[in-house]
Amino acid sequence: MRIQYDPEGDILEIIFNEQFHLAEKRSIKLRDGIILFISKTQSVPVQLTLVNYKKAAQLPSIFFDGWNRLEKNEKRELLPIINSSSISAFLRFDPQTGYGHLSSPGMLDVFSEAV
């Protein structure tokens, strides 16, 4: 796993697997500024991009409207990925309502101390 933060753009990128990151992937826009990339060949998360991370981390609740716009079969395919420990370490949401939150709002503090 590799975590990159761009303070100027306030963008947090989590790359879960370098091998899959270099291969073909598809993107799922969970909402404006929160994009999940998954492998086209396997059902695994490849990257999670969080734009305006600091602002989003302070919100008590976020509506994942992109999730609600997905077709039922897409949701069924993505649900195990969304609920995986890799993704849930950074964000959690209720797939029924589409509401959730970032689960690691202190990630930047930990990251900045490690660098």
Protein backbone atom coordinates (compact mmCIF):
# COMPACT_ATOMS: atom_id res chain seq x y z
CA MET A 1 0.00 0.00 0.00
CA ARG A 2 1.19 3.49 -0.83
CA ILE A 3 -0.39 6.68 0.49
CA GLN A 4 0.25 10.01 -1.20
CA TYR A 5 -1.05 13.37 -0.07
CA ASP A 6 -0.88 16.59 -2.08
CA PRO A 7 -1.38 19.45 0.40
CA GLU A 8 -1.72 22.05 -2.35
CA GLY A 9 -4.65 20.24 -3.97
CA ASP A 10 -5.78 18.56 -0.72
CA ILE A 11 -5.84 15.20 -2.51
CA LEU A 12 -5.27 11.92 -0.72
CA GLU A 13 -4.50 8.91 -2.92
CA ILE A 14 -4.31 5.41 -1.53
CA ILE A 15 -2.81 2.84 -3.89
CA PHE A 16 -3.61 -0.62 -2.59
CA ASN A 17 -1.56 -2.71 -5.00
CA GLU A 18 1.15 -1.42 -7.35
CA GLN A 19 0.83 -4.40 -9.68
CA PHE A 20 -2.86 -3.76 -10.31
CA HIS A 21 -2.29 0.00 -10.35
CA LEU A 22 -0.19 -0.37 -13.50
CA ALA A 23 -2.78 -2.62 -15.18
CA GLU A 24 -6.16 -1.68 -16.66
CA LYS A 25 -8.65 -0.43 -14.13
CA ARG A 26 -12.07 1.13 -14.09
CA SER A 27 -13.22 4.05 -12.01
CA ILE A 28 -16.35 4.37 -9.94
CA LYS A 29 -17.28 7.88 -8.87
CA LEU A 30 -18.85 7.36 -5.46
CA ARG A 31 -19.47 11.13 -5.25
CA ASP A 32 -17.72 14.29 -6.40
CA GLY A 33 -14.15 13.98 -5.22
CA ILE A 34 -14.31 10.34 -4.07
CA ILE A 35 -13.28 7.91 -6.77
CA LEU A 36 -12.64 4.20 -6.39
CA PHE A 37 -10.54 2.39 -8.99
CA ILE A 38 -10.91 -1.36 -9.28
CA SER A 39 -9.09 -3.91 -11.40
CA LYS A 40 -10.76 -4.72 -14.72
CA THR A 41 -9.62 -8.34 -14.48
CA GLN A 42 -10.19 -9.05 -10.79
CA SER A 43 -12.61 -7.72 -8.20
CA VAL A 44 -10.03 -5.95 -6.07
CA PRO A 45 -9.59 -2.30 -5.12
CA VAL A 46 -6.65 -0.66 -6.85
CA GLN A 47 -6.80 2.96 -5.75
CA LEU A 48 -8.98 5.33 -3.75
CA THR A 49 -8.75 9.05 -4.50
CA LEU A 50 -10.17 11.59 -2.05
CA VAL A 51 -10.26 15.18 -3.34
CA ASN A 52 -10.73 17.93 -0.74
CA TYR A 53 -9.76 15.38 1.88
CA LYS A 54 -9.46 17.73 4.87
CA LYS A 55 -12.87 19.25 4.27
CA ALA A 56 -14.52 15.87 3.69
CA ALA A 57 -12.85 14.41 6.80
CA GLN A 58 -14.51 17.08 8.94
CA LEU A 59 -18.02 16.29 7.71
CA PRO A 60 -20.05 14.10 10.07
CA SER A 61 -21.93 12.59 7.13
CA ILE A 62 -21.38 12.37 3.38
CA PHE A 63 -23.95 11.40 0.77
CA PHE A 64 -22.45 9.01 -1.77
CA ASP A 65 -24.78 9.99 -4.61
CA GLY A 66 -22.63 8.22 -7.20
CA TRP A 67 -23.25 4.95 -5.39
CA ASN A 68 -27.00 5.53 -5.51
CA ARG A 69 -26.84 6.10 -9.29
CA LEU A 70 -25.24 2.70 -9.94
CA GLU A 71 -27.31 -0.12 -11.37
CA LYS A 72 -28.38 -2.86 -8.95
CA ASN A 73 -26.01 -5.43 -10.53
CA GLU A 74 -23.07 -2.99 -10.29
CA LYS A 75 -23.80 -2.43 -6.60
CA ARG A 76 -23.96 -6.17 -6.00
CA GLU A 77 -20.57 -6.60 -7.72
CA LEU A 78 -18.97 -3.70 -5.82
CA LEU A 79 -20.39 -4.35 -2.36
CA PRO A 80 -17.69 -6.88 -1.31
CA ILE A 81 -15.01 -4.41 -2.44
CA ILE A 82 -16.64 -1.48 -0.62
CA ASN A 83 -16.92 -3.60 2.55
CA SER A 84 -13.35 -4.89 2.29
CA SER A 85 -10.94 -3.95 5.06
CA SER A 86 -8.83 -2.02 2.53
CA ILE A 87 -11.64 0.40 1.72
CA SER A 88 -13.38 0.46 5.10
CA ALA A 89 -10.12 1.61 6.69
CA PHE A 90 -10.68 4.90 4.85
CA LEU A 91 -14.41 5.25 4.27
CA ARG A 92 -17.64 3.66 5.39
CA PHE A 93 -21.16 4.08 4.21
CA ASP A 94 -24.53 2.42 4.36
CA PRO A 95 -25.24 0.95 0.92
CA GLN A 96 -28.99 1.18 1.57
CA THR A 97 -29.08 4.93 2.26
CA GLY A 98 -25.89 6.05 0.53
CA TYR A 99 -24.78 8.03 3.60
CA GLY A 100 -21.47 7.52 5.34
CA HIS A 101 -18.25 9.18 6.44
CA LEU A 102 -14.50 9.04 6.14
CA SER A 103 -13.35 6.61 8.78
CA SER A 104 -9.81 7.92 9.20
CA PRO A 105 -10.04 11.69 9.61
CA GLY A 106 -6.69 11.68 11.45
CA MET A 107 -4.93 9.97 8.53
CA LEU A 108 -2.98 13.11 7.61
CA ASP A 109 -1.61 13.47 11.13
CA VAL A 110 -0.36 9.88 11.10
CA PHE A 111 0.98 10.26 7.57
CA SER A 112 2.83 13.52 8.28
CA GLU A 113 4.53 11.99 11.35
CA ALA A 114 5.68 8.98 9.32
CA VAL A 115 7.34 11.12 6.62
